[in-house]
Amino acid sequence: MSPLGSEASDKDVIARVLDGDGETFGVLVRRYQRRILRLGYGFFHNTDEAEDFAQDVFVKAYAALAGFKGRSSFSTWLTRIAYNAGINARRKSGRYEPLESDPVDTRSLSPEDEHIRVETAAALRRAMAGLPEKQAVCLDLYFREGLKYEDIGVVTGFSVNTIKSHVFRAKRELRAALGTGEVWR
């Protein structure tokens, strides 16, 4: 089989994998690795554990790929696998806490800009840590991962109205916490 390029649709890649071209699964890994790593960082706060988590998620997804029915997008289906794996692992050790979305190349920032970036990120993390876990997860999936309410529902099992409520309340609580300076202490 000829290799598929990175422009191939998820559906085409999945069809090739299911036809026996297991190596093509690497296209999906490269495509969604950052998303799964970010979820892993949110659950484990440790690079090594997040990388192990991502590897486990992709192994689970590969093993279950024949069961993917296409009722949601592959990215949503994969994120659900990751979310469930993370929740199961964290039940033993604590709650989900979102972190910064991606590392930033700080070489181009002035010392003042870097200080502002670090302080802002820390304030946001402290404010997010004060949210109930379900609100933090919904807000994180909505803003950082860019998922629609319906897709968040597929990932978390929450109803769309519950998700809208969690996102609304989380935004209100963050606005209050950041606006009053409570997180700046």
C-alpha atoms as a PDB file:
ATOM      1  CA  MET A   1       0.000   0.000   0.000  1.00  0.00           C
ATOM      2  CA  SER A   2       1.211   3.477  -0.754  1.00  0.00           C
ATOM      3  CA  PRO A   3       1.629   5.758   2.275  1.00  0.00           C
ATOM      4  CA  LEU A   4      -1.085   8.257   3.127  1.00  0.00           C
ATOM      5  CA  GLY A   5      -0.060  11.861   3.567  1.00  0.00           C
ATOM      6  CA  SER A   6      -0.827  14.059   6.527  1.00  0.00           C
ATOM      7  CA  GLU A   7      -3.678  15.637   4.506  1.00  0.00           C
ATOM      8  CA  ALA A   8      -5.654  12.350   4.462  1.00  0.00           C
ATOM      9  CA  SER A   9      -8.916  12.420   6.396  1.00  0.00           C
ATOM     10  CA  ASP A  10      -9.238  10.515   9.654  1.00  0.00           C
ATOM     11  CA  LYS A  11     -11.791   8.280   7.951  1.00  0.00           C
ATOM     12  CA  ASP A  12      -9.331   7.357   5.175  1.00  0.00           C
ATOM     13  CA  VAL A  13      -6.545   6.664   7.664  1.00  0.00           C
ATOM     14  CA  ILE A  14      -8.816   4.492   9.805  1.00  0.00           C
ATOM     15  CA  ALA A  15      -9.950   2.518   6.754  1.00  0.00           C
ATOM     16  CA  ARG A  16      -6.315   1.816   5.859  1.00  0.00           C
ATOM     17  CA  VAL A  17      -5.482   0.734   9.396  1.00  0.00           C
ATOM     18  CA  LEU A  18      -8.504  -1.576   9.495  1.00  0.00           C
ATOM     19  CA  ASP A  19      -7.451  -3.022   6.115  1.00  0.00           C
ATOM     20  CA  GLY A  20      -4.223  -4.191   7.750  1.00  0.00           C
ATOM     21  CA  ASP A  21      -1.876  -1.213   7.318  1.00  0.00           C
ATOM     22  CA  GLY A  22      -1.151  -0.744  11.030  1.00  0.00           C
ATOM     23  CA  GLU A  23       1.768   1.589  10.375  1.00  0.00           C
ATOM     24  CA  THR A  24      -0.656   4.193   9.040  1.00  0.00           C
ATOM     25  CA  PHE A  25      -2.018   4.606  12.585  1.00  0.00           C
ATOM     26  CA  GLY A  26       1.045   6.801  13.124  1.00  0.00           C
ATOM     27  CA  VAL A  27      -0.694   9.529  11.096  1.00  0.00           C
ATOM     28  CA  LEU A  28      -3.414   9.688  13.750  1.00  0.00           C
ATOM     29  CA  VAL A  29      -0.871   9.597  16.565  1.00  0.00           C
ATOM     30  CA  ARG A  30       1.015  12.565  15.094  1.00  0.00           C
ATOM     31  CA  ARG A  31      -2.245  14.414  14.445  1.00  0.00           C
ATOM     32  CA  TYR A  32      -3.627  14.098  18.011  1.00  0.00           C
ATOM     33  CA  GLN A  33      -0.572  13.568  20.179  1.00  0.00           C
ATOM     34  CA  ARG A  34      -0.462  17.135  21.516  1.00  0.00           C
ATOM     35  CA  ARG A  35      -4.125  17.036  22.560  1.00  0.00           C
ATOM     36  CA  ILE A  36      -3.665  13.756  24.432  1.00  0.00           C
ATOM     37  CA  LEU A  37      -0.431  14.951  26.040  1.00  0.00           C
ATOM     38  CA  ARG A  38      -2.181  18.120  27.270  1.00  0.00           C
ATOM     39  CA  LEU A  39      -4.891  15.999  28.865  1.00  0.00           C
ATOM     40  CA  GLY A  40      -2.173  13.844  30.404  1.00  0.00           C
ATOM     41  CA  TYR A  41      -0.447  16.917  31.864  1.00  0.00           C
ATOM     42  CA  GLY A  42      -3.785  17.979  33.323  1.00  0.00           C
ATOM     43  CA  PHE A  43      -4.184  14.659  35.062  1.00  0.00           C
ATOM     44  CA  PHE A  44      -0.606  13.931  36.139  1.00  0.00           C
ATOM     45  CA  HIS A  45       1.406  17.210  36.177  1.00  0.00           C
ATOM     46  CA  ASN A  46       4.459  15.238  35.139  1.00  0.00           C
ATOM     47  CA  THR A  47       5.981  14.963  31.678  1.00  0.00           C
ATOM     48  CA  ASP A  48       6.989  11.317  31.972  1.00  0.00           C
ATOM     49  CA  GLU A  49       3.611  10.237  33.315  1.00  0.00           C
ATOM     50  CA  ALA A  50       1.795  12.292  30.661  1.00  0.00           C
ATOM     51  CA  GLU A  51       3.859  10.658  27.923  1.00  0.00           C
ATOM     52  CA  ASP A  52       3.177   7.179  29.355  1.00  0.00           C
ATOM     53  CA  PHE A  53      -0.500   8.095  29.566  1.00  0.00           C
ATOM     54  CA  ALA A  54      -0.557   9.236  25.916  1.00  0.00           C
ATOM     55  CA  GLN A  55       1.128   6.034  24.789  1.00  0.00           C
ATOM     56  CA  ASP A  56      -1.420   3.959  26.734  1.00  0.00           C
ATOM     57  CA  VAL A  57      -4.299   5.950  25.242  1.00  0.00           C
ATOM     58  CA  PHE A  58      -3.073   5.381  21.697  1.00  0.00           C
ATOM     59  CA  VAL A  59      -2.574   1.661  22.377  1.00  0.00           C
ATOM     60  CA  LYS A  60      -6.150   1.458  23.709  1.00  0.00           C
ATOM     61  CA  ALA A  61      -7.454   3.398  20.713  1.00  0.00           C
ATOM     62  CA  TYR A  62      -5.594   1.145  18.276  1.00  0.00           C
ATOM     63  CA  ALA A  63      -6.948  -1.978  19.979  1.00  0.00           C
ATOM     64  CA  ALA A  64     -10.507  -0.597  19.948  1.00  0.00           C
ATOM     65  CA  LEU A  65     -10.384   0.959  16.469  1.00  0.00           C
ATOM     66  CA  ALA A  66     -12.582  -1.733  14.912  1.00  0.00           C
ATOM     67  CA  GLY A  67     -15.308  -0.631  17.362  1.00  0.00           C
ATOM     68  CA  PHE A  68     -15.189   2.998  16.204  1.00  0.00           C
ATOM     69  CA  LYS A  69     -18.589   3.547  14.582  1.00  0.00           C
ATOM     70  CA  GLY A  70     -18.133   7.110  13.364  1.00  0.00           C
ATOM     71  CA  ARG A  71     -21.084   8.509  15.334  1.00  0.00           C
ATOM     72  CA  SER A  72     -18.727  11.242  16.495  1.00  0.00           C
ATOM     73  CA  SER A  73     -15.461  12.454  15.041  1.00  0.00           C
ATOM     74  CA  PHE A  74     -12.384  10.328  15.630  1.00  0.00           C
ATOM     75  CA  SER A  75     -10.834  13.159  17.679  1.00  0.00           C
ATOM     76  CA  THR A  76     -13.849  13.187  20.004  1.00  0.00           C
ATOM     77  CA  TRP A  77     -13.793   9.393  20.312  1.00  0.00           C
ATOM     78  CA  LEU A  78     -10.066   9.448  21.096  1.00  0.00           C
ATOM     79  CA  THR A  79     -10.485  12.264  23.618  1.00  0.00           C
ATOM     80  CA  ARG A  80     -13.198  10.233  25.369  1.00  0.00           C
ATOM     81  CA  ILE A  81     -10.830   7.277  25.667  1.00  0.00           C
ATOM     82  CA  ALA A  82      -8.169   9.605  27.111  1.00  0.00           C
ATOM     83  CA  TYR A  83     -10.591  11.334  29.476  1.00  0.00           C
ATOM     84  CA  ASN A  84     -11.901   8.020  30.827  1.00  0.00           C
ATOM     85  CA  ALA A  85      -8.380   6.647  31.246  1.00  0.00           C
ATOM     86  CA  GLY A  86      -7.314   9.808  33.060  1.00  0.00           C
ATOM     87  CA  ILE A  87     -10.349   9.856  35.336  1.00  0.00           C
ATOM     88  CA  ASN A  88      -9.808   6.205  36.231  1.00  0.00           C
ATOM     89  CA  ALA A  89      -6.133   6.823  37.005  1.00  0.00           C
ATOM     90  CA  ARG A  90      -6.809   9.984  39.001  1.00  0.00           C
ATOM     91  CA  ARG A  91      -9.537   8.403  41.130  1.00  0.00           C
ATOM     92  CA  LYS A  92      -6.669   6.856  43.007  1.00  0.00           C
ATOM     93  CA  SER A  93      -4.662  10.014  43.474  1.00  0.00           C
ATOM     94  CA  GLY A  94      -6.629  13.258  43.138  1.00  0.00           C
ATOM     95  CA  ARG A  95      -8.419  15.667  40.845  1.00  0.00           C
ATOM     96  CA  TYR A  96      -7.943  16.963  37.330  1.00  0.00           C
ATOM     97  CA  GLU A  97      -6.188  20.314  37.169  1.00  0.00           C
ATOM     98  CA  PRO A  98      -5.653  21.924  33.784  1.00  0.00           C
ATOM     99  CA  LEU A  99      -2.288  23.491  33.069  1.00  0.00           C
ATOM    100  CA  GLU A 100      -1.025  25.878  30.427  1.00  0.00           C
ATOM    101  CA  SER A 101      -2.017  24.710  26.978  1.00  0.00           C
ATOM    102  CA  ASP A 102       1.446  24.511  25.477  1.00  0.00           C
ATOM    103  CA  PRO A 103       4.979  25.427  26.418  1.00  0.00           C
ATOM    104  CA  VAL A 104       5.938  28.874  25.153  1.00  0.00           C
ATOM    105  CA  ASP A 105       9.248  29.750  23.513  1.00  0.00           C
ATOM    106  CA  THR A 106      10.345  32.498  25.876  1.00  0.00           C
ATOM    107  CA  ARG A 107      13.571  33.375  24.053  1.00  0.00           C
ATOM    108  CA  SER A 108      11.808  36.149  22.129  1.00  0.00           C
ATOM    109  CA  LEU A 109      10.159  37.672  25.214  1.00  0.00           C
ATOM    110  CA  SER A 110      11.623  40.548  27.175  1.00  0.00           C
ATOM    111  CA  PRO A 111      12.214  39.847  30.876  1.00  0.00           C
ATOM    112  CA  GLU A 112       9.174  41.984  31.722  1.00  0.00           C
ATOM    113  CA  ASP A 113       6.950  40.162  29.230  1.00  0.00           C
ATOM    114  CA  GLU A 114       8.161  36.793  30.510  1.00  0.00           C
ATOM    115  CA  HIS A 115       7.402  37.861  34.091  1.00  0.00           C
ATOM    116  CA  ILE A 116       3.899  38.970  33.087  1.00  0.00           C
ATOM    117  CA  ARG A 117       3.325  35.697  31.213  1.00  0.00           C
ATOM    118  CA  VAL A 118       4.458  33.602  34.194  1.00  0.00           C
ATOM    119  CA  GLU A 119       2.377  35.598  36.701  1.00  0.00           C
ATOM    120  CA  THR A 120      -0.721  35.531  34.488  1.00  0.00           C
ATOM    121  CA  ALA A 121      -0.430  31.779  33.950  1.00  0.00           C
ATOM    122  CA  ALA A 122       0.038  31.225  37.696  1.00  0.00           C
ATOM    123  CA  ALA A 123      -2.994  33.372  38.520  1.00  0.00           C
ATOM    124  CA  LEU A 124      -5.112  31.498  36.004  1.00  0.00           C
ATOM    125  CA  ARG A 125      -3.942  28.120  37.365  1.00  0.00           C
ATOM    126  CA  ARG A 126      -4.797  29.188  40.923  1.00  0.00           C
ATOM    127  CA  ALA A 127      -8.222  30.379  39.812  1.00  0.00           C
ATOM    128  CA  MET A 128      -8.840  27.157  37.850  1.00  0.00           C
ATOM    129  CA  ALA A 129      -7.760  25.081  40.868  1.00  0.00           C
ATOM    130  CA  GLY A 130     -10.558  26.736  42.844  1.00  0.00           C
ATOM    131  CA  LEU A 131     -13.213  25.508  40.423  1.00  0.00           C
ATOM    132  CA  PRO A 132     -15.178  22.330  40.985  1.00  0.00           C
ATOM    133  CA  GLU A 133     -13.576  19.537  38.944  1.00  0.00           C
ATOM    134  CA  LYS A 134     -16.478  19.125  36.507  1.00  0.00           C
ATOM    135  CA  GLN A 135     -16.460  22.841  35.733  1.00  0.00           C
ATOM    136  CA  ALA A 136     -12.668  22.842  35.228  1.00  0.00           C
ATOM    137  CA  VAL A 137     -12.832  19.874  32.857  1.00  0.00           C
ATOM    138  CA  CYS A 138     -15.665  21.373  30.782  1.00  0.00           C
ATOM    139  CA  LEU A 139     -13.989  24.784  30.591  1.00  0.00           C
ATOM    140  CA  ASP A 140     -10.670  23.219  29.632  1.00  0.00           C
ATOM    141  CA  LEU A 141     -12.191  21.070  26.873  1.00  0.00           C
ATOM    142  CA  TYR A 142     -14.244  24.003  25.577  1.00  0.00           C
ATOM    143  CA  PHE A 143     -11.548  26.694  25.460  1.00  0.00           C
ATOM    144  CA  ARG A 144      -8.208  24.941  25.269  1.00  0.00           C
ATOM    145  CA  GLU A 145      -9.227  21.957  23.143  1.00  0.00           C
ATOM    146  CA  GLY A 146     -11.877  23.854  21.166  1.00  0.00           C
ATOM    147  CA  LEU A 147     -14.502  21.136  21.516  1.00  0.00           C
ATOM    148  CA  LYS A 148     -18.170  21.904  20.910  1.00  0.00           C
ATOM    149  CA  TYR A 149     -20.670  21.299  23.704  1.00  0.00           C
ATOM    150  CA  GLU A 150     -21.935  18.167  21.956  1.00  0.00           C
ATOM    151  CA  ASP A 151     -18.417  16.748  21.700  1.00  0.00           C
ATOM    152  CA  ILE A 152     -17.714  17.546  25.350  1.00  0.00           C
ATOM    153  CA  GLY A 153     -20.888  15.595  26.115  1.00  0.00           C
ATOM    154  CA  VAL A 154     -19.539  12.608  24.218  1.00  0.00           C
ATOM    155  CA  VAL A 155     -16.218  12.862  26.083  1.00  0.00           C
ATOM    156  CA  THR A 156     -17.603  13.391  29.595  1.00  0.00           C
ATOM    157  CA  GLY A 157     -21.046  11.829  29.442  1.00  0.00           C
ATOM    158  CA  PHE A 158     -22.628  15.092  30.643  1.00  0.00           C
ATOM    159  CA  SER A 159     -25.704  16.529  28.948  1.00  0.00           C
ATOM    160  CA  VAL A 160     -25.248  19.598  26.741  1.00  0.00           C
ATOM    161  CA  ASN A 161     -27.257  21.735  29.180  1.00  0.00           C
ATOM    162  CA  THR A 162     -25.076  20.576  32.065  1.00  0.00           C
ATOM    163  CA  ILE A 163     -21.951  21.443  30.072  1.00  0.00           C
ATOM    164  CA  LYS A 164     -23.294  24.887  29.192  1.00  0.00           C
ATOM    165  CA  SER A 165     -24.056  25.440  32.867  1.00  0.00           C
ATOM    166  CA  HIS A 166     -20.584  24.272  33.946  1.00  0.00           C
ATOM    167  CA  VAL A 167     -18.855  26.510  31.386  1.00  0.00           C
ATOM    168  CA  PHE A 168     -21.029  29.507  32.294  1.00  0.00           C
ATOM    169  CA  ARG A 169     -20.466  29.074  36.032  1.00  0.00           C
ATOM    170  CA  ALA A 170     -16.745  28.449  35.578  1.00  0.00           C
ATOM    171  CA  LYS A 171     -16.343  31.616  33.496  1.00  0.00           C
ATOM    172  CA  ARG A 172     -18.278  33.599  36.098  1.00  0.00           C
ATOM    173  CA  GLU A 173     -16.161  32.221  38.955  1.00  0.00           C
ATOM    174  CA  LEU A 174     -12.916  32.861  37.070  1.00  0.00           C
ATOM    175  CA  ARG A 175     -13.993  36.397  36.231  1.00  0.00           C
ATOM    176  CA  ALA A 176     -14.780  37.036  39.892  1.00  0.00           C
ATOM    177  CA  ALA A 177     -11.552  35.470  41.151  1.00  0.00           C
ATOM    178  CA  LEU A 178      -9.348  37.256  38.632  1.00  0.00           C
ATOM    179  CA  GLY A 179     -11.222  40.544  38.885  1.00  0.00           C
ATOM    180  CA  THR A 180     -11.009  40.813  42.653  1.00  0.00           C
ATOM    181  CA  GLY A 181      -7.362  39.993  42.845  1.00  0.00           C
ATOM    182  CA  GLU A 182      -7.994  36.965  45.075  1.00  0.00           C
ATOM    183  CA  VAL A 183      -5.628  34.826  43.044  1.00  0.00           C
ATOM    184  CA  TRP A 184      -2.855  37.409  43.028  1.00  0.00           C
ATOM    185  CA  ARG A 185      -1.891  36.785  46.661  1.00  0.00           C
END
